[in-house]
Amino acid sequence: MDFETRMLEREQVGEKKGLQQGLKTGALTLVASLKDVGCTSQQILQQLKQKYGNVFYDKQLEEFLKQS
């Protein structure tokens, strides 16, 4: 594997991590907003699964709910 290939792989990993972080921030913002308007934990979790279920596992979404 040459240097350029390794650098490209590192760049791709960095982009993926950045995207994941951005999505996590979005999920946490959604949780906070839904709590502010009085949604129950069950309602919030349902919304998280609808919007972020294709990116995060259920356990991760539950953890986001606990974090907020």
C-alpha atoms as a PDB file:
ATOM      1  CA  MET A   1       0.000   0.000   0.000  1.00  0.00           C
ATOM      2  CA  ASP A   2       1.501   3.314  -0.947  1.00  0.00           C
ATOM      3  CA  PHE A   3       1.472   6.588   0.928  1.00  0.00           C
ATOM      4  CA  GLU A   4      -1.265   8.187  -1.193  1.00  0.00           C
ATOM      5  CA  THR A   5      -3.615   5.266  -0.621  1.00  0.00           C
ATOM      6  CA  ARG A   6      -3.069   5.425   3.144  1.00  0.00           C
ATOM      7  CA  MET A   7      -3.711   9.177   3.147  1.00  0.00           C
ATOM      8  CA  LEU A   8      -6.937   8.706   1.177  1.00  0.00           C
ATOM      9  CA  GLU A   9      -8.115   6.059   3.634  1.00  0.00           C
ATOM     10  CA  ARG A  10      -7.376   8.353   6.570  1.00  0.00           C
ATOM     11  CA  GLU A  11      -9.305  11.145   4.900  1.00  0.00           C
ATOM     12  CA  GLN A  12     -12.295   8.886   4.334  1.00  0.00           C
ATOM     13  CA  VAL A  13     -12.243   7.706   7.962  1.00  0.00           C
ATOM     14  CA  GLY A  14     -12.101  11.327   9.116  1.00  0.00           C
ATOM     15  CA  GLU A  15     -15.068  12.262   6.940  1.00  0.00           C
ATOM     16  CA  LYS A  16     -17.083   9.346   8.302  1.00  0.00           C
ATOM     17  CA  LYS A  17     -16.268  10.297  11.902  1.00  0.00           C
ATOM     18  CA  GLY A  18     -17.240  13.897  11.211  1.00  0.00           C
ATOM     19  CA  LEU A  19     -20.542  12.842   9.685  1.00  0.00           C
ATOM     20  CA  GLN A  20     -21.284  10.565  12.641  1.00  0.00           C
ATOM     21  CA  GLN A  21     -20.518  13.394  15.070  1.00  0.00           C
ATOM     22  CA  GLY A  22     -22.800  15.745  13.168  1.00  0.00           C
ATOM     23  CA  LEU A  23     -25.635  13.226  13.219  1.00  0.00           C
ATOM     24  CA  LYS A  24     -25.120  12.636  16.931  1.00  0.00           C
ATOM     25  CA  THR A  25     -25.324  16.378  17.553  1.00  0.00           C
ATOM     26  CA  GLY A  26     -28.543  16.491  15.541  1.00  0.00           C
ATOM     27  CA  ALA A  27     -30.030  13.619  17.534  1.00  0.00           C
ATOM     28  CA  LEU A  28     -29.137  15.266  20.854  1.00  0.00           C
ATOM     29  CA  THR A  29     -30.645  18.540  19.665  1.00  0.00           C
ATOM     30  CA  LEU A  30     -33.838  16.727  18.696  1.00  0.00           C
ATOM     31  CA  VAL A  31     -34.033  15.111  22.135  1.00  0.00           C
ATOM     32  CA  ALA A  32     -33.616  18.466  23.881  1.00  0.00           C
ATOM     33  CA  SER A  33     -36.230  20.119  21.672  1.00  0.00           C
ATOM     34  CA  LEU A  34     -38.778  17.370  22.183  1.00  0.00           C
ATOM     35  CA  LYS A  35     -38.210  17.441  25.941  1.00  0.00           C
ATOM     36  CA  ASP A  36     -38.782  21.200  25.892  1.00  0.00           C
ATOM     37  CA  VAL A  37     -42.199  20.749  24.310  1.00  0.00           C
ATOM     38  CA  GLY A  38     -43.175  18.061  26.815  1.00  0.00           C
ATOM     39  CA  CYS A  39     -42.826  14.832  24.853  1.00  0.00           C
ATOM     40  CA  THR A  40     -42.487  11.624  26.828  1.00  0.00           C
ATOM     41  CA  SER A  41     -39.366   9.489  26.685  1.00  0.00           C
ATOM     42  CA  GLN A  42     -41.246   6.927  24.625  1.00  0.00           C
ATOM     43  CA  GLN A  43     -42.335   9.561  22.095  1.00  0.00           C
ATOM     44  CA  ILE A  44     -38.798  10.927  21.856  1.00  0.00           C
ATOM     45  CA  LEU A  45     -37.314   7.474  21.349  1.00  0.00           C
ATOM     46  CA  GLN A  46     -39.855   6.785  18.615  1.00  0.00           C
ATOM     47  CA  GLN A  47     -38.831  10.003  16.823  1.00  0.00           C
ATOM     48  CA  LEU A  48     -35.148   9.162  17.207  1.00  0.00           C
ATOM     49  CA  LYS A  49     -35.707   5.737  15.674  1.00  0.00           C
ATOM     50  CA  GLN A  50     -37.631   7.237  12.754  1.00  0.00           C
ATOM     51  CA  LYS A  51     -35.032   9.882  11.989  1.00  0.00           C
ATOM     52  CA  TYR A  52     -31.776   8.209  13.004  1.00  0.00           C
ATOM     53  CA  GLY A  53     -32.566   4.491  13.160  1.00  0.00           C
ATOM     54  CA  ASN A  54     -30.780   3.839   9.888  1.00  0.00           C
ATOM     55  CA  VAL A  55     -27.554   5.342  11.275  1.00  0.00           C
ATOM     56  CA  PHE A  56     -27.465   4.405  14.968  1.00  0.00           C
ATOM     57  CA  TYR A  57     -28.353   1.258  16.883  1.00  0.00           C
ATOM     58  CA  ASP A  58     -31.314   1.357  19.274  1.00  0.00           C
ATOM     59  CA  LYS A  59     -28.956   1.206  22.268  1.00  0.00           C
ATOM     60  CA  GLN A  60     -27.120   4.297  21.003  1.00  0.00           C
ATOM     61  CA  LEU A  61     -30.396   6.173  20.560  1.00  0.00           C
ATOM     62  CA  GLU A  62     -31.457   5.214  24.088  1.00  0.00           C
ATOM     63  CA  GLU A  63     -28.124   6.524  25.351  1.00  0.00           C
ATOM     64  CA  PHE A  64     -28.691   9.849  23.562  1.00  0.00           C
ATOM     65  CA  LEU A  65     -32.006  10.102  25.372  1.00  0.00           C
ATOM     66  CA  LYS A  66     -30.297   9.484  28.712  1.00  0.00           C
ATOM     67  CA  GLN A  67     -27.552  12.029  27.966  1.00  0.00           C
ATOM     68  CA  SER A  68     -29.953  14.907  27.458  1.00  0.00           C
END
